[in-house]
Amino acid sequence: MQAYCMKCRTKREMRDAKSVTMKNGRPATKGVCPVCGTKMFRIGKS
């Protein structure tokens, strides 16, 4: 799944992507940028 990396300022494929549920009940995906190692987060169904 692709997400926007705030550090690289580009869309990249997430590494170690995991589906999570936010406090308000909405689905989201957490992962890591494969280039710089920054945490990535994408709201919405994975």
C-alpha atoms as a PDB file:
ATOM      1  CA  MET A   1       0.000   0.000   0.000  1.00  0.00           C
ATOM      2  CA  GLN A   2       1.244   3.475  -0.819  1.00  0.00           C
ATOM      3  CA  ALA A   3       1.352   6.371   1.634  1.00  0.00           C
ATOM      4  CA  TYR A   4       2.897   9.842   1.722  1.00  0.00           C
ATOM      5  CA  CYS A   5       6.263  10.140   3.484  1.00  0.00           C
ATOM      6  CA  MET A   6       6.530  13.492   5.254  1.00  0.00           C
ATOM      7  CA  LYS A   7      10.331  13.376   5.318  1.00  0.00           C
ATOM      8  CA  CYS A   8      10.911  12.368   1.660  1.00  0.00           C
ATOM      9  CA  ARG A   9       7.868  14.366   0.484  1.00  0.00           C
ATOM     10  CA  THR A  10       6.829  11.655  -1.977  1.00  0.00           C
ATOM     11  CA  LYS A  11       4.407   8.751  -2.126  1.00  0.00           C
ATOM     12  CA  ARG A  12       6.114   5.446  -1.429  1.00  0.00           C
ATOM     13  CA  GLU A  13       5.192   1.825  -0.884  1.00  0.00           C
ATOM     14  CA  MET A  14       4.871   1.146   2.867  1.00  0.00           C
ATOM     15  CA  ARG A  15       7.078  -1.477   4.500  1.00  0.00           C
ATOM     16  CA  ASP A  16       5.723  -3.560   7.416  1.00  0.00           C
ATOM     17  CA  ALA A  17       2.180  -2.289   6.799  1.00  0.00           C
ATOM     18  CA  LYS A  18      -0.299  -3.172   9.568  1.00  0.00           C
ATOM     19  CA  SER A  19      -4.027  -2.501   9.734  1.00  0.00           C
ATOM     20  CA  VAL A  20      -5.062  -0.567  12.843  1.00  0.00           C
ATOM     21  CA  THR A  21      -8.214   1.036  14.183  1.00  0.00           C
ATOM     22  CA  MET A  22      -8.082   4.623  15.413  1.00  0.00           C
ATOM     23  CA  LYS A  23      -9.723   5.766  18.662  1.00  0.00           C
ATOM     24  CA  ASN A  24     -12.792   7.006  16.783  1.00  0.00           C
ATOM     25  CA  GLY A  25     -13.255   3.569  15.148  1.00  0.00           C
ATOM     26  CA  ARG A  26     -12.041   4.430  11.640  1.00  0.00           C
ATOM     27  CA  PRO A  27      -9.637   2.021   9.920  1.00  0.00           C
ATOM     28  CA  ALA A  28      -6.072   3.057   9.122  1.00  0.00           C
ATOM     29  CA  THR A  29      -2.710   1.590   8.090  1.00  0.00           C
ATOM     30  CA  LYS A  30       0.648   2.066   9.794  1.00  0.00           C
ATOM     31  CA  GLY A  31       4.018   1.355   8.209  1.00  0.00           C
ATOM     32  CA  VAL A  32       7.596   2.478   7.674  1.00  0.00           C
ATOM     33  CA  CYS A  33       9.212   4.315   4.755  1.00  0.00           C
ATOM     34  CA  PRO A  34      11.630   1.929   2.989  1.00  0.00           C
ATOM     35  CA  VAL A  35      14.055   4.772   2.128  1.00  0.00           C
ATOM     36  CA  CYS A  36      14.384   6.923   5.270  1.00  0.00           C
ATOM     37  CA  GLY A  37      12.757   4.724   7.951  1.00  0.00           C
ATOM     38  CA  THR A  38      10.192   7.341   9.025  1.00  0.00           C
ATOM     39  CA  LYS A  39       6.817   6.139  10.305  1.00  0.00           C
ATOM     40  CA  MET A  40       4.023   6.390   7.735  1.00  0.00           C
ATOM     41  CA  PHE A  41       0.282   6.530   8.381  1.00  0.00           C
ATOM     42  CA  ARG A  42      -2.671   6.322   6.023  1.00  0.00           C
ATOM     43  CA  ILE A  43      -6.299   6.760   7.006  1.00  0.00           C
ATOM     44  CA  GLY A  44      -8.841   4.558   5.262  1.00  0.00           C
ATOM     45  CA  LYS A  45      -9.523   0.930   4.507  1.00  0.00           C
ATOM     46  CA  SER A  46      -6.376  -1.047   3.676  1.00  0.00           C
END
